[in-house]
C-alpha atoms as a PDB file:
ATOM      1  CA  UNK A   1      17.205  79.037  10.457  1.00  0.00           C
ATOM      2  CA  UNK A   2      15.312  78.769   7.229  1.00  0.00           C
ATOM      3  CA  UNK A   3      11.634  77.815   6.950  1.00  0.00           C
ATOM      4  CA  UNK A   4       9.134  77.196   4.204  1.00  0.00           C
ATOM      5  CA  UNK A   5       8.485  74.540   1.570  1.00  0.00           C
ATOM      6  CA  UNK A   6      10.824  72.478  -0.527  1.00  0.00           C
ATOM      7  CA  UNK A   7       9.634  70.924  -3.768  1.00  0.00           C
ATOM      8  CA  UNK A   8      11.254  67.708  -4.958  1.00  0.00           C
ATOM      9  CA  UNK A   9      10.445  66.431  -8.432  1.00  0.00           C
ATOM     10  CA  UNK A  10       9.980  62.617  -8.252  1.00  0.00           C
ATOM     11  CA  UNK A  11       8.524  62.186 -11.693  1.00  0.00           C
ATOM     12  CA  UNK A  12      11.450  60.058 -12.843  1.00  0.00           C
ATOM     13  CA  UNK A  13      11.450  57.617  -9.895  1.00  0.00           C
ATOM     14  CA  UNK A  14       8.720  55.400 -11.396  1.00  0.00           C
ATOM     15  CA  UNK A  15       6.398  52.850  -9.739  1.00  0.00           C
ATOM     16  CA  UNK A  16       5.220  53.185  -6.179  1.00  0.00           C
ATOM     17  CA  UNK A  17       1.589  52.361  -6.926  1.00  0.00           C
ATOM     18  CA  UNK A  18       0.143  48.980  -5.836  1.00  0.00           C
ATOM     19  CA  UNK A  19      -1.789  47.087  -8.489  1.00  0.00           C
ATOM     20  CA  UNK A  20      -3.919  43.990  -8.755  1.00  0.00           C
ATOM     21  CA  UNK A  21      -7.355  42.970  -7.382  1.00  0.00           C
ATOM     22  CA  UNK A  22      -8.542  43.979  -3.922  1.00  0.00           C
ATOM     23  CA  UNK A  23      -6.917  41.890  -1.221  1.00  0.00           C
ATOM     24  CA  UNK A  24      -4.100  40.613  -3.431  1.00  0.00           C
ATOM     25  CA  UNK A  25      -0.701  40.072  -1.860  1.00  0.00           C
ATOM     26  CA  UNK A  26       1.841  42.285  -3.578  1.00  0.00           C
ATOM     27  CA  UNK A  27       5.019  41.047  -5.229  1.00  0.00           C
ATOM     28  CA  UNK A  28       7.764  42.711  -7.252  1.00  0.00           C
ATOM     29  CA  UNK A  29       7.050  42.795 -10.984  1.00  0.00           C
ATOM     30  CA  UNK A  30       9.777  45.180 -12.146  1.00  0.00           C
ATOM     31  CA  UNK A  31      11.946  48.080 -11.055  1.00  0.00           C
ATOM     32  CA  UNK A  32      10.036  49.833  -8.229  1.00  0.00           C
ATOM     33  CA  UNK A  33       6.804  48.219  -9.432  1.00  0.00           C
ATOM     34  CA  UNK A  34       4.500  45.793  -7.580  1.00  0.00           C
ATOM     35  CA  UNK A  35       1.335  44.004  -8.493  1.00  0.00           C
ATOM     36  CA  UNK A  36      -0.974  41.264  -7.210  1.00  0.00           C
ATOM     37  CA  UNK A  37      -2.912  38.242  -8.433  1.00  0.00           C
ATOM     38  CA  UNK A  38      -6.396  36.873  -7.841  1.00  0.00           C
ATOM     39  CA  UNK A  39      -4.692  33.540  -7.064  1.00  0.00           C
ATOM     40  CA  UNK A  40      -3.024  34.902  -3.912  1.00  0.00           C
ATOM     41  CA  UNK A  41      -5.447  36.864  -1.780  1.00  0.00           C
ATOM     42  CA  UNK A  42      -5.676  37.934   1.841  1.00  0.00           C
ATOM     43  CA  UNK A  43      -9.317  38.147   2.944  1.00  0.00           C
ATOM     44  CA  UNK A  44     -10.222  40.456   5.807  1.00  0.00           C
ATOM     45  CA  UNK A  45     -14.003  40.236   5.559  1.00  0.00           C
ATOM     46  CA  UNK A  46     -15.182  38.841   2.217  1.00  0.00           C
ATOM     47  CA  UNK A  47     -16.323  35.356   1.290  1.00  0.00           C
ATOM     48  CA  UNK A  48     -16.450  33.979   4.829  1.00  0.00           C
ATOM     49  CA  UNK A  49     -12.629  33.777   4.993  1.00  0.00           C
ATOM     50  CA  UNK A  50     -11.878  36.420   7.607  1.00  0.00           C
ATOM     51  CA  UNK A  51      -8.147  37.021   8.072  1.00  0.00           C
ATOM     52  CA  UNK A  52      -7.321  34.141   5.714  1.00  0.00           C
ATOM     53  CA  UNK A  53      -4.569  33.845   3.131  1.00  0.00           C
ATOM     54  CA  UNK A  54      -5.914  31.952   0.091  1.00  0.00           C
ATOM     55  CA  UNK A  55      -3.590  30.432  -2.513  1.00  0.00           C
ATOM     56  CA  UNK A  56      -4.931  28.934  -5.725  1.00  0.00           C
ATOM     57  CA  UNK A  57      -2.165  26.874  -7.240  1.00  0.00           C
ATOM     58  CA  UNK A  58       0.919  25.019  -5.988  1.00  0.00           C
ATOM     59  CA  UNK A  59       2.842  25.872  -2.816  1.00  0.00           C
ATOM     60  CA  UNK A  60       6.487  24.765  -2.648  1.00  0.00           C
ATOM     61  CA  UNK A  61       8.114  25.066   0.764  1.00  0.00           C
ATOM     62  CA  UNK A  62      11.840  24.560   1.219  1.00  0.00           C
ATOM     63  CA  UNK A  63      11.893  24.214   4.971  1.00  0.00           C
ATOM     64  CA  UNK A  64       9.476  23.361   7.768  1.00  0.00           C
ATOM     65  CA  UNK A  65       5.773  24.088   8.139  1.00  0.00           C
ATOM     66  CA  UNK A  66       4.432  24.582  11.661  1.00  0.00           C
ATOM     67  CA  UNK A  67       0.694  24.893  12.235  1.00  0.00           C
ATOM     68  CA  UNK A  68      -1.846  24.340  14.997  1.00  0.00           C
ATOM     69  CA  UNK A  69      -3.929  22.093  12.736  1.00  0.00           C
ATOM     70  CA  UNK A  70      -4.122  20.815   9.169  1.00  0.00           C
ATOM     71  CA  UNK A  71      -7.237  20.231   7.078  1.00  0.00           C
ATOM     72  CA  UNK A  72      -6.203  18.182   4.044  1.00  0.00           C
ATOM     73  CA  UNK A  73      -8.747  17.194   1.395  1.00  0.00           C
ATOM     74  CA  UNK A  74      -6.453  14.978  -0.677  1.00  0.00           C
ATOM     75  CA  UNK A  75      -2.814  13.838  -0.681  1.00  0.00           C
ATOM     76  CA  UNK A  76      -1.279  12.696  -3.952  1.00  0.00           C
ATOM     77  CA  UNK A  77       2.166  11.714  -2.712  1.00  0.00           C
ATOM     78  CA  UNK A  78       4.364  12.122   0.342  1.00  0.00           C
ATOM     79  CA  UNK A  79       7.903  12.297  -0.967  1.00  0.00           C
ATOM     80  CA  UNK A  80      10.967  12.611   1.215  1.00  0.00           C
ATOM     81  CA  UNK A  81      14.495  11.305   1.421  1.00  0.00           C
ATOM     82  CA  UNK A  82      14.396  10.984   5.205  1.00  0.00           C
ATOM     83  CA  UNK A  83      11.999   9.493   7.730  1.00  0.00           C
ATOM     84  CA  UNK A  84       8.346  10.523   7.709  1.00  0.00           C
ATOM     85  CA  UNK A  85       7.110  10.217  11.287  1.00  0.00           C
ATOM     86  CA  UNK A  86       3.591  11.013  12.432  1.00  0.00           C
ATOM     87  CA  UNK A  87       3.526  11.557  16.182  1.00  0.00           C
ATOM     88  CA  UNK A  88       6.298  11.488  18.736  1.00  0.00           C
ATOM     89  CA  UNK A  89       4.850   9.669  21.767  1.00  0.00           C
ATOM     90  CA  UNK A  90       2.839   6.540  22.617  1.00  0.00           C
ATOM     91  CA  UNK A  91      -0.272   8.585  23.459  1.00  0.00           C
ATOM     92  CA  UNK A  92      -0.477   9.991  19.931  1.00  0.00           C
ATOM     93  CA  UNK A  93      -3.593   8.583  18.252  1.00  0.00           C
ATOM     94  CA  UNK A  94      -4.109   8.849  14.504  1.00  0.00           C
ATOM     95  CA  UNK A  95      -7.677   7.976  13.588  1.00  0.00           C
ATOM     96  CA  UNK A  96      -8.974   7.384  10.082  1.00  0.00           C
ATOM     97  CA  UNK A  97     -12.609   6.952   9.126  1.00  0.00           C
ATOM     98  CA  UNK A  98     -13.015   4.850   6.000  1.00  0.00           C
ATOM     99  CA  UNK A  99     -10.819   2.375   4.171  1.00  0.00           C
ATOM    100  CA  UNK A 100      -7.038   2.236   4.387  1.00  0.00           C
ATOM    101  CA  UNK A 101      -5.034   0.677   1.560  1.00  0.00           C
ATOM    102  CA  UNK A 102      -1.296  -0.022   1.478  1.00  0.00           C
ATOM    103  CA  UNK A 103       0.368  -1.253  -1.708  1.00  0.00           C
ATOM    104  CA  UNK A 104       3.931  -2.234  -2.508  1.00  0.00           C
ATOM    105  CA  UNK A 105       6.434  -2.156  -5.333  1.00  0.00           C
ATOM    106  CA  UNK A 106       9.115  -4.791  -5.629  1.00  0.00           C
ATOM    107  CA  UNK A 107       9.534  -7.582  -3.097  1.00  0.00           C
ATOM    108  CA  UNK A 108      10.150  -5.619   0.087  1.00  0.00           C
ATOM    109  CA  UNK A 109       7.587  -5.819   2.953  1.00  0.00           C
ATOM    110  CA  UNK A 110       4.871  -3.252   2.369  1.00  0.00           C
ATOM    111  CA  UNK A 111       3.457  -2.921   5.882  1.00  0.00           C
ATOM    112  CA  UNK A 112       5.361  -3.274   9.134  1.00  0.00           C
ATOM    113  CA  UNK A 113       3.990  -2.604  12.610  1.00  0.00           C
ATOM    114  CA  UNK A 114       6.948  -2.211  14.941  1.00  0.00           C
ATOM    115  CA  UNK A 115       5.122  -2.646  18.229  1.00  0.00           C
ATOM    116  CA  UNK A 116       4.652  -5.260  20.917  1.00  0.00           C
ATOM    117  CA  UNK A 117       0.881  -5.286  20.358  1.00  0.00           C
ATOM    118  CA  UNK A 118      -1.107  -4.597  17.216  1.00  0.00           C
ATOM    119  CA  UNK A 119      -4.851  -4.466  17.770  1.00  0.00           C
ATOM    120  CA  UNK A 120      -7.465  -4.733  15.031  1.00  0.00           C
ATOM    121  CA  UNK A 121     -10.931  -3.934  16.308  1.00  0.00           C
ATOM    122  CA  UNK A 122     -13.848  -5.138  14.225  1.00  0.00           C
ATOM    123  CA  UNK A 123     -17.256  -6.581  14.934  1.00  0.00           C
ATOM    124  CA  UNK A 124     -16.550  -9.605  12.743  1.00  0.00           C
ATOM    125  CA  UNK A 125     -13.141 -11.028  11.843  1.00  0.00           C
ATOM    126  CA  UNK A 126      -9.855 -10.355  10.103  1.00  0.00           C
ATOM    127  CA  UNK A 127     -10.101 -11.356   6.452  1.00  0.00           C
ATOM    128  CA  UNK A 128      -7.086 -11.930   4.209  1.00  0.00           C
ATOM    129  CA  UNK A 129      -8.204 -11.953   0.571  1.00  0.00           C
ATOM    130  CA  UNK A 130      -4.876 -13.077  -0.885  1.00  0.00           C
ATOM    131  CA  UNK A 131      -1.359 -13.817   0.241  1.00  0.00           C
ATOM    132  CA  UNK A 132      -0.619 -14.874   3.807  1.00  0.00           C
ATOM    133  CA  UNK A 133      -0.594 -13.626   7.366  1.00  0.00           C
ATOM    134  CA  UNK A 134       2.936 -13.540   8.823  1.00  0.00           C
ATOM    135  CA  UNK A 135       3.305 -13.405  12.611  1.00  0.00           C
ATOM    136  CA  UNK A 136       6.301 -13.025  14.892  1.00  0.00           C
ATOM    137  CA  UNK A 137       8.299 -16.255  15.043  1.00  0.00           C
ATOM    138  CA  UNK A 138      11.443 -17.090  16.987  1.00  0.00           C
ATOM    139  CA  UNK A 139      13.354 -20.280  17.753  1.00  0.00           C
ATOM    140  CA  UNK A 140      15.468 -21.140  20.794  1.00  0.00           C
ATOM    141  CA  UNK A 141      18.347 -23.576  21.244  1.00  0.00           C
ATOM    142  CA  UNK A 142      18.637 -22.841  24.981  1.00  0.00           C
ATOM    143  CA  UNK A 143      17.550 -25.199  27.758  1.00  0.00           C
ATOM    144  CA  UNK A 144      16.358 -22.219  29.834  1.00  0.00           C
ATOM    145  CA  UNK A 145      14.174 -19.732  28.012  1.00  0.00           C
ATOM    146  CA  UNK A 146      12.129 -16.664  28.956  1.00  0.00           C
ATOM    147  CA  UNK A 147       9.588 -15.774  26.271  1.00  0.00           C
ATOM    148  CA  UNK A 148       9.453 -12.083  25.365  1.00  0.00           C
ATOM    149  CA  UNK A 149       6.290 -10.001  25.283  1.00  0.00           C
ATOM    150  CA  UNK A 150       6.287  -9.677  21.475  1.00  0.00           C
ATOM    151  CA  UNK A 151       6.295 -13.363  20.504  1.00  0.00           C
ATOM    152  CA  UNK A 152       3.536 -15.370  18.820  1.00  0.00           C
ATOM    153  CA  UNK A 153       5.175 -18.643  17.697  1.00  0.00           C
ATOM    154  CA  UNK A 154       8.152 -20.015  19.634  1.00  0.00           C
ATOM    155  CA  UNK A 155      10.049 -23.049  18.361  1.00  0.00           C
ATOM    156  CA  UNK A 156      12.020 -25.215  20.827  1.00  0.00           C
ATOM    157  CA  UNK A 157      15.169 -26.697  19.245  1.00  0.00           C
ATOM    158  CA  UNK A 158      17.187 -27.824  22.288  1.00  0.00           C
ATOM    159  CA  UNK A 159      17.317 -31.442  23.444  1.00  0.00           C
ATOM    160  CA  UNK A 160      16.800 -32.621  27.011  1.00  0.00           C
ATOM    161  CA  UNK A 161      14.719 -30.995  29.722  1.00  0.00           C
ATOM    162  CA  UNK A 162      13.644 -27.448  28.785  1.00  0.00           C
ATOM    163  CA  UNK A 163      12.470 -24.809  31.297  1.00  0.00           C
ATOM    164  CA  UNK A 164      10.364 -22.073  29.722  1.00  0.00           C
ATOM    165  CA  UNK A 165       9.225 -18.991  31.632  1.00  0.00           C
ATOM    166  CA  UNK A 166       5.983 -17.653  30.215  1.00  0.00           C
ATOM    167  CA  UNK A 167       5.469 -13.960  29.484  1.00  0.00           C
ATOM    168  CA  UNK A 168       3.061 -12.110  31.746  1.00  0.00           C
ATOM    169  CA  UNK A 169      -0.550 -12.550  30.642  1.00  0.00           C
ATOM    170  CA  UNK A 170      -1.117  -8.852  31.324  1.00  0.00           C
ATOM    171  CA  UNK A 171       1.522  -7.961  28.702  1.00  0.00           C
ATOM    172  CA  UNK A 172      -0.475  -9.819  26.024  1.00  0.00           C
ATOM    173  CA  UNK A 173      -3.850  -8.505  27.185  1.00  0.00           C
ATOM    174  CA  UNK A 174      -7.299  -9.966  26.548  1.00  0.00           C
ATOM    175  CA  UNK A 175      -7.171 -12.384  23.621  1.00  0.00           C
ATOM    176  CA  UNK A 176      -3.384 -12.481  23.318  1.00  0.00           C
ATOM    177  CA  UNK A 177      -2.223 -15.687  21.591  1.00  0.00           C
ATOM    178  CA  UNK A 178       0.932 -17.759  22.020  1.00  0.00           C
ATOM    179  CA  UNK A 179       2.066 -20.974  20.305  1.00  0.00           C
ATOM    180  CA  UNK A 180       4.942 -23.136  21.585  1.00  0.00           C
ATOM    181  CA  UNK A 181       6.184 -26.035  19.459  1.00  0.00           C
ATOM    182  CA  UNK A 182       8.863 -28.721  19.837  1.00  0.00           C
ATOM    183  CA  UNK A 183      10.860 -28.596  16.590  1.00  0.00           C
ATOM    184  CA  UNK A 184      13.287 -31.436  17.308  1.00  0.00           C
ATOM    185  CA  UNK A 185      12.922 -34.702  15.405  1.00  0.00           C
ATOM    186  CA  UNK A 186      11.306 -37.348  17.634  1.00  0.00           C
ATOM    187  CA  UNK A 187      11.718 -38.824  20.066  1.00  0.00           C
ATOM    188  CA  UNK A 188      12.277 -36.080  22.659  1.00  0.00           C
ATOM    189  CA  UNK A 189      14.496 -37.124  25.570  1.00  0.00           C
ATOM    190  CA  UNK A 190      13.159 -34.616  28.098  1.00  0.00           C
ATOM    191  CA  UNK A 191       9.993 -32.674  28.866  1.00  0.00           C
ATOM    192  CA  UNK A 192       9.321 -29.016  28.068  1.00  0.00           C
ATOM    193  CA  UNK A 193       8.077 -27.364  31.256  1.00  0.00           C
ATOM    194  CA  UNK A 194       6.205 -24.062  31.114  1.00  0.00           C
ATOM    195  CA  UNK A 195       6.551 -21.936  34.251  1.00  0.00           C
ATOM    196  CA  UNK A 196       4.225 -19.081  35.052  1.00  0.00           C
ATOM    197  CA  UNK A 197       5.277 -15.434  35.293  1.00  0.00           C
ATOM    198  CA  UNK A 198       4.546 -13.816  38.651  1.00  0.00           C
ATOM    199  CA  UNK A 199       1.173 -14.921  40.022  1.00  0.00           C
ATOM    200  CA  UNK A 200      -0.210 -15.976  36.609  1.00  0.00           C
ATOM    201  CA  UNK A 201      -1.572 -19.470  36.133  1.00  0.00           C
ATOM    202  CA  UNK A 202      -1.525 -21.807  33.136  1.00  0.00           C
ATOM    203  CA  UNK A 203      -4.869 -23.580  32.978  1.00  0.00           C
ATOM    204  CA  UNK A 204      -5.135 -22.888  36.733  1.00  0.00           C
ATOM    205  CA  UNK A 205      -1.738 -24.478  37.477  1.00  0.00           C
ATOM    206  CA  UNK A 206       1.646 -22.915  38.210  1.00  0.00           C
ATOM    207  CA  UNK A 207       3.385 -25.094  35.601  1.00  0.00           C
ATOM    208  CA  UNK A 208       2.431 -27.023  32.491  1.00  0.00           C
ATOM    209  CA  UNK A 209       4.421 -29.882  30.965  1.00  0.00           C
ATOM    210  CA  UNK A 210       4.777 -30.830  27.297  1.00  0.00           C
ATOM    211  CA  UNK A 211       5.965 -34.330  26.531  1.00  0.00           C
ATOM    212  CA  UNK A 212       5.505 -37.089  23.990  1.00  0.00           C
ATOM    213  CA  UNK A 213       6.155 -36.991  20.259  1.00  0.00           C
ATOM    214  CA  UNK A 214       6.608 -33.487  18.755  1.00  0.00           C
ATOM    215  CA  UNK A 215       4.382 -31.769  21.348  1.00  0.00           C
ATOM    216  CA  UNK A 216       2.867 -28.335  20.805  1.00  0.00           C
ATOM    217  CA  UNK A 217       0.570 -26.051  22.773  1.00  0.00           C
ATOM    218  CA  UNK A 218      -1.736 -23.149  21.929  1.00  0.00           C
ATOM    219  CA  UNK A 219      -2.477 -20.632  24.653  1.00  0.00           C
ATOM    220  CA  UNK A 220      -4.534 -17.490  25.012  1.00  0.00           C
ATOM    221  CA  UNK A 221      -4.516 -14.772  27.657  1.00  0.00           C
ATOM    222  CA  UNK A 222      -7.462 -13.151  29.412  1.00  0.00           C
ATOM    223  CA  UNK A 223      -5.230 -10.379  30.691  1.00  0.00           C
ATOM    224  CA  UNK A 224      -4.302 -12.081  33.972  1.00  0.00           C
ATOM    225  CA  UNK A 225      -4.108 -15.846  33.235  1.00  0.00           C
ATOM    226  CA  UNK A 226      -3.106 -18.233  30.462  1.00  0.00           C
ATOM    227  CA  UNK A 227      -5.431 -20.916  29.124  1.00  0.00           C
ATOM    228  CA  UNK A 228      -4.801 -23.865  26.824  1.00  0.00           C
ATOM    229  CA  UNK A 229      -7.092 -24.289  23.828  1.00  0.00           C
END
């Protein structure tokens, strides 16, 4: 069995030596040659960015990004061909401090809240500077009607006696509003009777009757009862 040293001449292999500033992430620059840039650095102890990868420039990702948290200073545009969902459950809360502006192009609706309840908390009031406020409206041609929990204005279009079952006051919560209106041309031939849901009351009664010429009623909820105003 032989022993000793073997000398291999590698002078023609080329490259093999890292280049670039300290902390730079290496990338291929030629045959067997790598280098780095001051715009892509991995800090281990300098500048207060311990174990941090710092990119100066544009990052293009063709795939998914998964992170424990994001700190975003500015967003120019969110562009995607599919849905852009934020959150995946009802207990997800997205809080913004400051103003929130939504604009539109064309004639399509520019803001839609697909929820049974939309709450705007403010110490004063809701102000609409231009345009109009559009609320949920539905009309019924049935003589027996149960109002859903997401209604605001309900139009009654059936003739004769109408039996309406109110939604639960608890579903609307404190300050929930409901408007019921007879849309038939006068005179009406039968009364519109509102019946409570569960143990709710309507102005302290179990039922409330609308009659006369083109009757209407405005109601609000305190979370457990309905009141006429």
